[in-house]
Amino acid sequence: MQLLKWAGSKMGSAREIMPYLDFDRPYYEPFCGSASFFLKSNPPAAILNDYNPALISFYANIRVNPKKVWDVYNDINIGEEDYYKVRDEFNILSCGIVKAGFFLYLNHYCFNGIYRTNKKGNFNTPFGAKLKIKKKISFEDVLFFSNKLRMAKLFSLDFEDFLRNSSPSGSTIYMDPPYFTKDARVFSEYGNKEFGGEDLERLRDVAVWCSKRENRVVISYRDCSEFRGLFSNWIVGSVNVRRNVGGFVGRRKKDNELIAVLGGRV
């Protein structure tokens, strides 16, 4: 079971992607999102990063105060009116236990697990449980994730700053960034800004830099002309993924994603 719903989560493709990863090494994830691969594995060390400070603050609070965070979450009624009240308060709260509990609630009951913000950085995803009221996650499940997170270091930085500052060596680095392509319309929000072509070039450059430091760098990305052009020398395979972002269940489809590996044999 996942702690969070997350747009773009690779949980459904884990069986196909995880064989490319070496969890006997320290594990770095610059775009950790729901951290699904970390939660399914047991690396000797884990260093997780995401540009979304509310997400990383949630992980930090759930790690230290799981019962208090769960109590905040569990005390909120499931309903549209309560959802929007919580969303409004969430956007003015400072990071802490209450905001972490609100984060868990909003994540579970927002539309499609999308963390979307406006230009001011305020979370604005609408309520998503109108037709199906879902059961709340139990405290026992939250405690499992809390204990798992105790062995992880957490950061909230730009992906390139995170990697260059931490200077991993002899590690596994998995990158699943937001998608940018001119080939199709995609959800590419990266915090309160969009992930664009220059970011994809920066990702290529820092991946090459990391690969020269005895790291194994694995990247999954939508099959598009931009990624093929920048990573053609390192593409080793592809996987089918189910797209859940921006559509209702009946409109969801499967797309092809490419896998690139730098700095190590498959």
C-alpha atoms as a PDB file:
ATOM      1  CA  MET A   1       0.000   0.000   0.000  1.00  0.00           C
ATOM      2  CA  GLN A   2       1.195   3.519  -0.781  1.00  0.00           C
ATOM      3  CA  LEU A   3       1.150   6.274   1.794  1.00  0.00           C
ATOM      4  CA  LEU A   4       0.323   8.894  -0.858  1.00  0.00           C
ATOM      5  CA  LYS A   5      -1.526   8.991  -4.133  1.00  0.00           C
ATOM      6  CA  TRP A   6       0.791  10.726  -6.581  1.00  0.00           C
ATOM      7  CA  ALA A   7       0.382  11.774 -10.180  1.00  0.00           C
ATOM      8  CA  GLY A   8       3.061   9.995 -12.202  1.00  0.00           C
ATOM      9  CA  SER A   9       3.778   7.381  -9.541  1.00  0.00           C
ATOM     10  CA  LYS A  10       5.634   4.390 -10.963  1.00  0.00           C
ATOM     11  CA  MET A  11       4.116   1.854  -8.562  1.00  0.00           C
ATOM     12  CA  GLY A  12       2.249   0.239 -11.443  1.00  0.00           C
ATOM     13  CA  SER A  13       5.486  -0.112 -13.449  1.00  0.00           C
ATOM     14  CA  ALA A  14       7.709  -1.147 -10.546  1.00  0.00           C
ATOM     15  CA  ARG A  15       8.164  -4.718 -11.759  1.00  0.00           C
ATOM     16  CA  GLU A  16       9.570  -3.456 -15.070  1.00  0.00           C
ATOM     17  CA  ILE A  17      11.698  -0.565 -13.810  1.00  0.00           C
ATOM     18  CA  MET A  18      13.168  -1.864 -10.550  1.00  0.00           C
ATOM     19  CA  PRO A  19      15.447  -4.487 -12.218  1.00  0.00           C
ATOM     20  CA  TYR A  20      17.442  -1.578 -13.659  1.00  0.00           C
ATOM     21  CA  LEU A  21      18.113  -0.276 -10.137  1.00  0.00           C
ATOM     22  CA  ASP A  22      20.796  -1.538  -7.760  1.00  0.00           C
ATOM     23  CA  PHE A  23      19.506  -1.316  -4.182  1.00  0.00           C
ATOM     24  CA  ASP A  24      22.737  -2.690  -2.727  1.00  0.00           C
ATOM     25  CA  ARG A  25      24.099   0.834  -3.121  1.00  0.00           C
ATOM     26  CA  PRO A  26      23.008   4.052  -1.391  1.00  0.00           C
ATOM     27  CA  TYR A  27      19.843   5.234  -3.130  1.00  0.00           C
ATOM     28  CA  TYR A  28      19.272   8.815  -4.303  1.00  0.00           C
ATOM     29  CA  GLU A  29      15.998  10.088  -5.730  1.00  0.00           C
ATOM     30  CA  PRO A  30      15.977  13.774  -6.816  1.00  0.00           C
ATOM     31  CA  PHE A  31      12.248  13.740  -7.749  1.00  0.00           C
ATOM     32  CA  CYS A  32      10.978  11.450  -5.019  1.00  0.00           C
ATOM     33  CA  GLY A  33       7.225  12.180  -5.179  1.00  0.00           C
ATOM     34  CA  SER A  34       5.503   9.265  -3.417  1.00  0.00           C
ATOM     35  CA  ALA A  35       8.897   7.493  -3.048  1.00  0.00           C
ATOM     36  CA  SER A  36       7.318   4.214  -4.114  1.00  0.00           C
ATOM     37  CA  PHE A  37      10.584   2.449  -5.066  1.00  0.00           C
ATOM     38  CA  PHE A  38      12.246   3.445  -1.819  1.00  0.00           C
ATOM     39  CA  LEU A  39       9.288   2.084   0.131  1.00  0.00           C
ATOM     40  CA  LYS A  40       9.494  -1.241  -1.731  1.00  0.00           C
ATOM     41  CA  SER A  41      13.259  -1.681  -1.280  1.00  0.00           C
ATOM     42  CA  ASN A  42      15.890  -1.795   1.444  1.00  0.00           C
ATOM     43  CA  PRO A  43      18.955   0.188   0.342  1.00  0.00           C
ATOM     44  CA  PRO A  44      21.789   0.683   2.862  1.00  0.00           C
ATOM     45  CA  ALA A  45      21.041   4.424   2.805  1.00  0.00           C
ATOM     46  CA  ALA A  46      18.424   6.635   1.163  1.00  0.00           C
ATOM     47  CA  ILE A  47      18.633  10.312   0.265  1.00  0.00           C
ATOM     48  CA  LEU A  48      15.304  11.658  -0.977  1.00  0.00           C
ATOM     49  CA  ASN A  49      14.648  15.055  -2.512  1.00  0.00           C
ATOM     50  CA  ASP A  50      11.716  16.871  -4.019  1.00  0.00           C
ATOM     51  CA  TYR A  51      11.286  20.490  -5.063  1.00  0.00           C
ATOM     52  CA  ASN A  52       7.903  20.530  -3.303  1.00  0.00           C
ATOM     53  CA  PRO A  53       8.625  21.743   0.267  1.00  0.00           C
ATOM     54  CA  ALA A  54       5.164  20.756   1.535  1.00  0.00           C
ATOM     55  CA  LEU A  55       5.807  17.157   0.479  1.00  0.00           C
ATOM     56  CA  ILE A  56       9.205  16.958   2.172  1.00  0.00           C
ATOM     57  CA  SER A  57       7.871  18.657   5.295  1.00  0.00           C
ATOM     58  CA  PHE A  58       5.089  16.062   5.359  1.00  0.00           C
ATOM     59  CA  TYR A  59       7.644  13.237   5.240  1.00  0.00           C
ATOM     60  CA  ALA A  60       9.714  14.887   7.975  1.00  0.00           C
ATOM     61  CA  ASN A  61       6.688  15.276  10.249  1.00  0.00           C
ATOM     62  CA  ILE A  62       5.277  11.800   9.590  1.00  0.00           C
ATOM     63  CA  ARG A  63       8.700  10.385  10.452  1.00  0.00           C
ATOM     64  CA  VAL A  64       8.935  12.121  13.845  1.00  0.00           C
ATOM     65  CA  ASN A  65       5.291  12.514  14.892  1.00  0.00           C
ATOM     66  CA  PRO A  66       3.227   9.871  13.059  1.00  0.00           C
ATOM     67  CA  LYS A  67       0.419   9.693  15.653  1.00  0.00           C
ATOM     68  CA  LYS A  68      -0.058  13.454  15.837  1.00  0.00           C
ATOM     69  CA  VAL A  69      -0.124  13.803  12.062  1.00  0.00           C
ATOM     70  CA  TRP A  70      -2.552  10.904  11.715  1.00  0.00           C
ATOM     71  CA  ASP A  71      -4.821  12.350  14.416  1.00  0.00           C
ATOM     72  CA  VAL A  72      -5.110  15.631  12.501  1.00  0.00           C
ATOM     73  CA  TYR A  73      -5.867  13.726   9.292  1.00  0.00           C
ATOM     74  CA  ASN A  74      -8.314  11.303  10.899  1.00  0.00           C
ATOM     75  CA  ASP A  75     -10.338  14.031  12.664  1.00  0.00           C
ATOM     76  CA  ILE A  76     -11.413  15.668   9.378  1.00  0.00           C
ATOM     77  CA  ASN A  77     -14.724  14.626   7.875  1.00  0.00           C
ATOM     78  CA  ILE A  78     -14.709  13.340   4.302  1.00  0.00           C
ATOM     79  CA  GLY A  79     -16.787  15.737   2.245  1.00  0.00           C
ATOM     80  CA  GLU A  80     -16.588  18.534  -0.280  1.00  0.00           C
ATOM     81  CA  GLU A  81     -17.265  21.375   2.161  1.00  0.00           C
ATOM     82  CA  ASP A  82     -14.664  20.137   4.644  1.00  0.00           C
ATOM     83  CA  TYR A  83     -12.168  19.558   1.831  1.00  0.00           C
ATOM     84  CA  TYR A  84     -12.270  23.177   0.674  1.00  0.00           C
ATOM     85  CA  LYS A  85     -12.056  24.506   4.234  1.00  0.00           C
ATOM     86  CA  VAL A  86      -8.951  22.402   4.802  1.00  0.00           C
ATOM     87  CA  ARG A  87      -7.477  23.457   1.454  1.00  0.00           C
ATOM     88  CA  ASP A  88      -7.907  27.154   2.283  1.00  0.00           C
ATOM     89  CA  GLU A  89      -6.260  26.742   5.685  1.00  0.00           C
ATOM     90  CA  PHE A  90      -3.498  24.533   4.287  1.00  0.00           C
ATOM     91  CA  ASN A  91      -2.410  27.361   1.983  1.00  0.00           C
ATOM     92  CA  ILE A  92      -1.846  29.824   4.836  1.00  0.00           C
ATOM     93  CA  LEU A  93      -0.308  27.447   7.386  1.00  0.00           C
ATOM     94  CA  SER A  94       3.404  27.219   8.077  1.00  0.00           C
ATOM     95  CA  CYS A  95       4.993  23.788   7.827  1.00  0.00           C
ATOM     96  CA  GLY A  96       4.355  21.621  10.870  1.00  0.00           C
ATOM     97  CA  ILE A  97       2.221  18.801  12.253  1.00  0.00           C
ATOM     98  CA  VAL A  98      -1.150  20.339  11.364  1.00  0.00           C
ATOM     99  CA  LYS A  99      -0.129  21.168   7.817  1.00  0.00           C
ATOM    100  CA  ALA A 100       1.261  17.630   7.449  1.00  0.00           C
ATOM    101  CA  GLY A 101      -2.077  16.154   8.546  1.00  0.00           C
ATOM    102  CA  PHE A 102      -3.883  18.426   6.106  1.00  0.00           C
ATOM    103  CA  PHE A 103      -1.450  17.392   3.369  1.00  0.00           C
ATOM    104  CA  LEU A 104      -2.325  13.717   3.879  1.00  0.00           C
ATOM    105  CA  TYR A 105      -6.061  14.466   3.844  1.00  0.00           C
ATOM    106  CA  LEU A 106      -5.900  16.665   0.725  1.00  0.00           C
ATOM    107  CA  ASN A 107      -3.742  14.119  -1.061  1.00  0.00           C
ATOM    108  CA  HIS A 108      -6.186  11.295  -0.376  1.00  0.00           C
ATOM    109  CA  TYR A 109      -9.287  13.220  -1.430  1.00  0.00           C
ATOM    110  CA  CYS A 110      -8.119  15.559  -4.187  1.00  0.00           C
ATOM    111  CA  PHE A 111      -8.721  14.820  -7.855  1.00  0.00           C
ATOM    112  CA  ASN A 112      -6.424  12.054  -9.166  1.00  0.00           C
ATOM    113  CA  GLY A 113      -3.708  12.668  -6.569  1.00  0.00           C
ATOM    114  CA  ILE A 114      -2.541  15.764  -8.446  1.00  0.00           C
ATOM    115  CA  TYR A 115      -0.490  18.291  -6.461  1.00  0.00           C
ATOM    116  CA  ARG A 116      -1.249  21.398  -8.501  1.00  0.00           C
ATOM    117  CA  THR A 117      -0.529  24.983  -7.495  1.00  0.00           C
ATOM    118  CA  ASN A 118      -1.354  28.404  -8.870  1.00  0.00           C
ATOM    119  CA  LYS A 119       1.235  31.076  -9.649  1.00  0.00           C
ATOM    120  CA  LYS A 120       1.253  32.126  -5.995  1.00  0.00           C
ATOM    121  CA  GLY A 121       2.188  28.582  -4.995  1.00  0.00           C
ATOM    122  CA  ASN A 122      -1.194  27.797  -3.438  1.00  0.00           C
ATOM    123  CA  PHE A 123      -2.523  24.263  -3.739  1.00  0.00           C
ATOM    124  CA  ASN A 124      -5.686  24.413  -5.876  1.00  0.00           C
ATOM    125  CA  THR A 125      -6.612  20.853  -6.916  1.00  0.00           C
ATOM    126  CA  PRO A 126     -10.391  20.316  -6.584  1.00  0.00           C
ATOM    127  CA  PHE A 127     -12.167  17.732  -4.454  1.00  0.00           C
ATOM    128  CA  GLY A 128     -12.046  14.300  -6.062  1.00  0.00           C
ATOM    129  CA  ALA A 129     -14.178  11.975  -3.940  1.00  0.00           C
ATOM    130  CA  LYS A 130     -17.670  12.987  -5.061  1.00  0.00           C
ATOM    131  CA  LEU A 131     -18.676   9.615  -6.446  1.00  0.00           C
ATOM    132  CA  LYS A 132     -16.702   7.283  -4.208  1.00  0.00           C
ATOM    133  CA  ILE A 133     -15.910   7.928  -0.550  1.00  0.00           C
ATOM    134  CA  LYS A 134     -12.688   6.119   0.183  1.00  0.00           C
ATOM    135  CA  LYS A 135     -11.660   4.548   3.461  1.00  0.00           C
ATOM    136  CA  LYS A 136      -9.054   6.439   5.444  1.00  0.00           C
ATOM    137  CA  ILE A 137      -5.579   5.030   5.865  1.00  0.00           C
ATOM    138  CA  SER A 138      -5.019   3.396   9.258  1.00  0.00           C
ATOM    139  CA  PHE A 139      -2.542   4.564  11.866  1.00  0.00           C
ATOM    140  CA  GLU A 140      -0.749   1.200  11.543  1.00  0.00           C
ATOM    141  CA  ASP A 141      -0.098   1.956   7.870  1.00  0.00           C
ATOM    142  CA  VAL A 142       1.151   5.444   8.703  1.00  0.00           C
ATOM    143  CA  LEU A 143       3.447   3.996  11.376  1.00  0.00           C
ATOM    144  CA  PHE A 144       4.948   1.571   8.858  1.00  0.00           C
ATOM    145  CA  PHE A 145       5.902   4.441   6.559  1.00  0.00           C
ATOM    146  CA  SER A 146       7.136   6.502   9.501  1.00  0.00           C
ATOM    147  CA  ASN A 147       9.524   3.741  10.546  1.00  0.00           C
ATOM    148  CA  LYS A 148      10.685   3.288   6.960  1.00  0.00           C
ATOM    149  CA  LEU A 149      11.457   6.991   6.635  1.00  0.00           C
ATOM    150  CA  ARG A 150      13.700   6.953   9.716  1.00  0.00           C
ATOM    151  CA  MET A 151      16.612   5.716   7.620  1.00  0.00           C
ATOM    152  CA  ALA A 152      16.197   8.397   4.930  1.00  0.00           C
ATOM    153  CA  LYS A 153      17.710  11.864   4.641  1.00  0.00           C
ATOM    154  CA  LEU A 154      15.294  14.445   3.247  1.00  0.00           C
ATOM    155  CA  PHE A 155      15.915  17.530   1.134  1.00  0.00           C
ATOM    156  CA  SER A 156      13.831  20.036  -0.825  1.00  0.00           C
ATOM    157  CA  LEU A 157      16.067  21.522  -3.506  1.00  0.00           C
ATOM    158  CA  ASP A 158      16.239  21.947  -7.246  1.00  0.00           C
ATOM    159  CA  PHE A 159      17.295  18.551  -8.619  1.00  0.00           C
ATOM    160  CA  GLU A 160      20.631  19.784  -9.978  1.00  0.00           C
ATOM    161  CA  ASP A 161      21.524  21.639  -6.777  1.00  0.00           C
ATOM    162  CA  PHE A 162      20.618  18.544  -4.776  1.00  0.00           C
ATOM    163  CA  LEU A 163      22.875  16.257  -6.797  1.00  0.00           C
ATOM    164  CA  ARG A 164      25.825  18.608  -7.105  1.00  0.00           C
ATOM    165  CA  ASN A 165      25.687  19.569  -3.417  1.00  0.00           C
ATOM    166  CA  SER A 166      25.373  15.980  -2.176  1.00  0.00           C
ATOM    167  CA  SER A 167      27.981  14.677  -4.685  1.00  0.00           C
ATOM    168  CA  PRO A 168      26.918  11.006  -4.626  1.00  0.00           C
ATOM    169  CA  SER A 169      29.571   8.419  -5.438  1.00  0.00           C
ATOM    170  CA  GLY A 170      29.114   4.689  -5.935  1.00  0.00           C
ATOM    171  CA  SER A 171      25.358   5.071  -5.552  1.00  0.00           C
ATOM    172  CA  THR A 172      22.148   4.391  -7.460  1.00  0.00           C
ATOM    173  CA  ILE A 173      20.312   7.489  -8.664  1.00  0.00           C
ATOM    174  CA  TYR A 174      16.782   7.166 -10.005  1.00  0.00           C
ATOM    175  CA  MET A 175      15.213  10.158 -11.747  1.00  0.00           C
ATOM    176  CA  ASP A 176      11.579  10.346 -12.800  1.00  0.00           C
ATOM    177  CA  PRO A 177      11.137  14.059 -13.541  1.00  0.00           C
ATOM    178  CA  PRO A 178       8.024  15.915 -14.700  1.00  0.00           C
ATOM    179  CA  TYR A 179       7.523  15.599 -18.437  1.00  0.00           C
ATOM    180  CA  PHE A 180       8.277  18.227 -21.030  1.00  0.00           C
ATOM    181  CA  THR A 181       7.577  17.706 -24.709  1.00  0.00           C
ATOM    182  CA  LYS A 182       6.279  19.735 -27.618  1.00  0.00           C
ATOM    183  CA  ASP A 183       4.924  16.491 -29.133  1.00  0.00           C
ATOM    184  CA  ALA A 184       1.833  16.450 -26.883  1.00  0.00           C
ATOM    185  CA  ARG A 185       0.112  18.242 -24.024  1.00  0.00           C
ATOM    186  CA  VAL A 186       1.408  16.930 -20.701  1.00  0.00           C
ATOM    187  CA  PHE A 187       1.183  17.817 -17.023  1.00  0.00           C
ATOM    188  CA  SER A 188       4.637  19.273 -16.400  1.00  0.00           C
ATOM    189  CA  GLU A 189       4.227  21.252 -13.191  1.00  0.00           C
ATOM    190  CA  TYR A 190       7.349  21.286 -11.062  1.00  0.00           C
ATOM    191  CA  GLY A 191       6.422  22.915  -7.775  1.00  0.00           C
ATOM    192  CA  ASN A 192       4.976  26.293  -8.735  1.00  0.00           C
ATOM    193  CA  LYS A 193       6.855  26.396 -12.032  1.00  0.00           C
ATOM    194  CA  GLU A 194       6.913  24.189 -15.076  1.00  0.00           C
ATOM    195  CA  PHE A 195       9.609  21.716 -16.030  1.00  0.00           C
ATOM    196  CA  GLY A 196      10.814  22.771 -19.475  1.00  0.00           C
ATOM    197  CA  GLY A 197      13.332  22.058 -22.207  1.00  0.00           C
ATOM    198  CA  GLU A 198      16.200  23.792 -20.397  1.00  0.00           C
ATOM    199  CA  ASP A 199      15.517  21.660 -17.327  1.00  0.00           C
ATOM    200  CA  LEU A 200      15.688  18.498 -19.429  1.00  0.00           C
ATOM    201  CA  GLU A 201      19.068  19.623 -20.762  1.00  0.00           C
ATOM    202  CA  ARG A 202      20.247  20.313 -17.206  1.00  0.00           C
ATOM    203  CA  LEU A 203      19.068  16.853 -16.243  1.00  0.00           C
ATOM    204  CA  ARG A 204      21.141  15.319 -19.036  1.00  0.00           C
ATOM    205  CA  ASP A 205      24.226  17.276 -17.995  1.00  0.00           C
ATOM    206  CA  VAL A 206      23.995  16.421 -14.302  1.00  0.00           C
ATOM    207  CA  ALA A 207      23.244  12.768 -15.129  1.00  0.00           C
ATOM    208  CA  VAL A 208      26.450  12.585 -17.188  1.00  0.00           C
ATOM    209  CA  TRP A 209      28.362  14.266 -14.352  1.00  0.00           C
ATOM    210  CA  CYS A 210      26.991  11.774 -11.824  1.00  0.00           C
ATOM    211  CA  SER A 211      27.767   8.801 -14.079  1.00  0.00           C
ATOM    212  CA  LYS A 212      31.446   9.766 -14.043  1.00  0.00           C
ATOM    213  CA  ARG A 213      31.484   9.424 -10.245  1.00  0.00           C
ATOM    214  CA  GLU A 214      30.864   5.651 -10.250  1.00  0.00           C
ATOM    215  CA  ASN A 215      27.127   6.114  -9.885  1.00  0.00           C
ATOM    216  CA  ARG A 216      24.449   4.166 -11.702  1.00  0.00           C
ATOM    217  CA  VAL A 217      21.945   6.699 -13.042  1.00  0.00           C
ATOM    218  CA  VAL A 218      18.530   5.452 -14.200  1.00  0.00           C
ATOM    219  CA  ILE A 219      15.999   7.796 -15.799  1.00  0.00           C
ATOM    220  CA  SER A 220      12.435   7.081 -16.890  1.00  0.00           C
ATOM    221  CA  TYR A 221      10.756   9.562 -19.220  1.00  0.00           C
ATOM    222  CA  ARG A 222       7.897   9.809 -21.655  1.00  0.00           C
ATOM    223  CA  ASP A 223       8.797   8.615 -25.147  1.00  0.00           C
ATOM    224  CA  CYS A 224       9.205  11.911 -26.981  1.00  0.00           C
ATOM    225  CA  SER A 225      11.532  13.542 -29.479  1.00  0.00           C
ATOM    226  CA  GLU A 226      13.216  15.723 -26.847  1.00  0.00           C
ATOM    227  CA  PHE A 227      14.249  12.805 -24.640  1.00  0.00           C
ATOM    228  CA  ARG A 228      15.333  10.674 -27.593  1.00  0.00           C
ATOM    229  CA  GLY A 229      17.459  13.542 -28.869  1.00  0.00           C
ATOM    230  CA  LEU A 230      19.205  14.217 -25.561  1.00  0.00           C
ATOM    231  CA  PHE A 231      19.548  10.632 -24.267  1.00  0.00           C
ATOM    232  CA  SER A 232      19.859   8.539 -27.425  1.00  0.00           C
ATOM    233  CA  ASN A 233      23.233   7.108 -26.331  1.00  0.00           C
ATOM    234  CA  TRP A 234      21.823   5.703 -23.088  1.00  0.00           C
ATOM    235  CA  ILE A 235      18.303   4.436 -23.870  1.00  0.00           C
ATOM    236  CA  VAL A 236      18.165   0.742 -22.970  1.00  0.00           C
ATOM    237  CA  GLY A 237      14.473  -0.135 -22.891  1.00  0.00           C
ATOM    238  CA  SER A 238      10.890   0.986 -22.521  1.00  0.00           C
ATOM    239  CA  VAL A 239       7.846   0.317 -20.350  1.00  0.00           C
ATOM    240  CA  ASN A 240       4.110   0.875 -20.689  1.00  0.00           C
ATOM    241  CA  VAL A 241       2.590   3.147 -18.051  1.00  0.00           C
ATOM    242  CA  ARG A 242      -1.001   4.063 -17.292  1.00  0.00           C
ATOM    243  CA  ARG A 243      -1.686   7.799 -17.407  1.00  0.00           C
ATOM    244  CA  ASN A 244      -3.902   8.991 -14.560  1.00  0.00           C
ATOM    245  CA  VAL A 245      -3.321  12.730 -14.752  1.00  0.00           C
ATOM    246  CA  GLY A 246      -5.954  15.165 -15.897  1.00  0.00           C
ATOM    247  CA  GLY A 247      -8.655  12.701 -16.882  1.00  0.00           C
ATOM    248  CA  PHE A 248     -11.419  10.489 -15.611  1.00  0.00           C
ATOM    249  CA  VAL A 249     -11.016   6.732 -15.259  1.00  0.00           C
ATOM    250  CA  GLY A 250     -12.695   5.973 -18.587  1.00  0.00           C
ATOM    251  CA  ARG A 251     -10.329   8.279 -20.448  1.00  0.00           C
ATOM    252  CA  ARG A 252      -7.067   6.998 -19.003  1.00  0.00           C
ATOM    253  CA  LYS A 253      -4.658   5.414 -21.411  1.00  0.00           C
ATOM    254  CA  LYS A 254      -1.329   3.644 -21.581  1.00  0.00           C
ATOM    255  CA  ASP A 255       1.750   5.416 -22.916  1.00  0.00           C
ATOM    256  CA  ASN A 256       5.291   4.354 -23.648  1.00  0.00           C
ATOM    257  CA  GLU A 257       8.148   5.472 -21.415  1.00  0.00           C
ATOM    258  CA  LEU A 258      11.822   5.158 -22.208  1.00  0.00           C
ATOM    259  CA  ILE A 259      14.476   3.975 -19.767  1.00  0.00           C
ATOM    260  CA  ALA A 260      17.979   5.444 -19.936  1.00  0.00           C
ATOM    261  CA  VAL A 261      20.903   4.106 -17.909  1.00  0.00           C
ATOM    262  CA  LEU A 262      24.189   5.944 -17.474  1.00  0.00           C
ATOM    263  CA  GLY A 263      27.273   4.732 -15.707  1.00  0.00           C
ATOM    264  CA  GLY A 264      26.666   1.030 -15.427  1.00  0.00           C
ATOM    265  CA  ARG A 265      25.723  -2.102 -17.291  1.00  0.00           C
ATOM    266  CA  VAL A 266      22.124  -3.295 -17.407  1.00  0.00           C
END
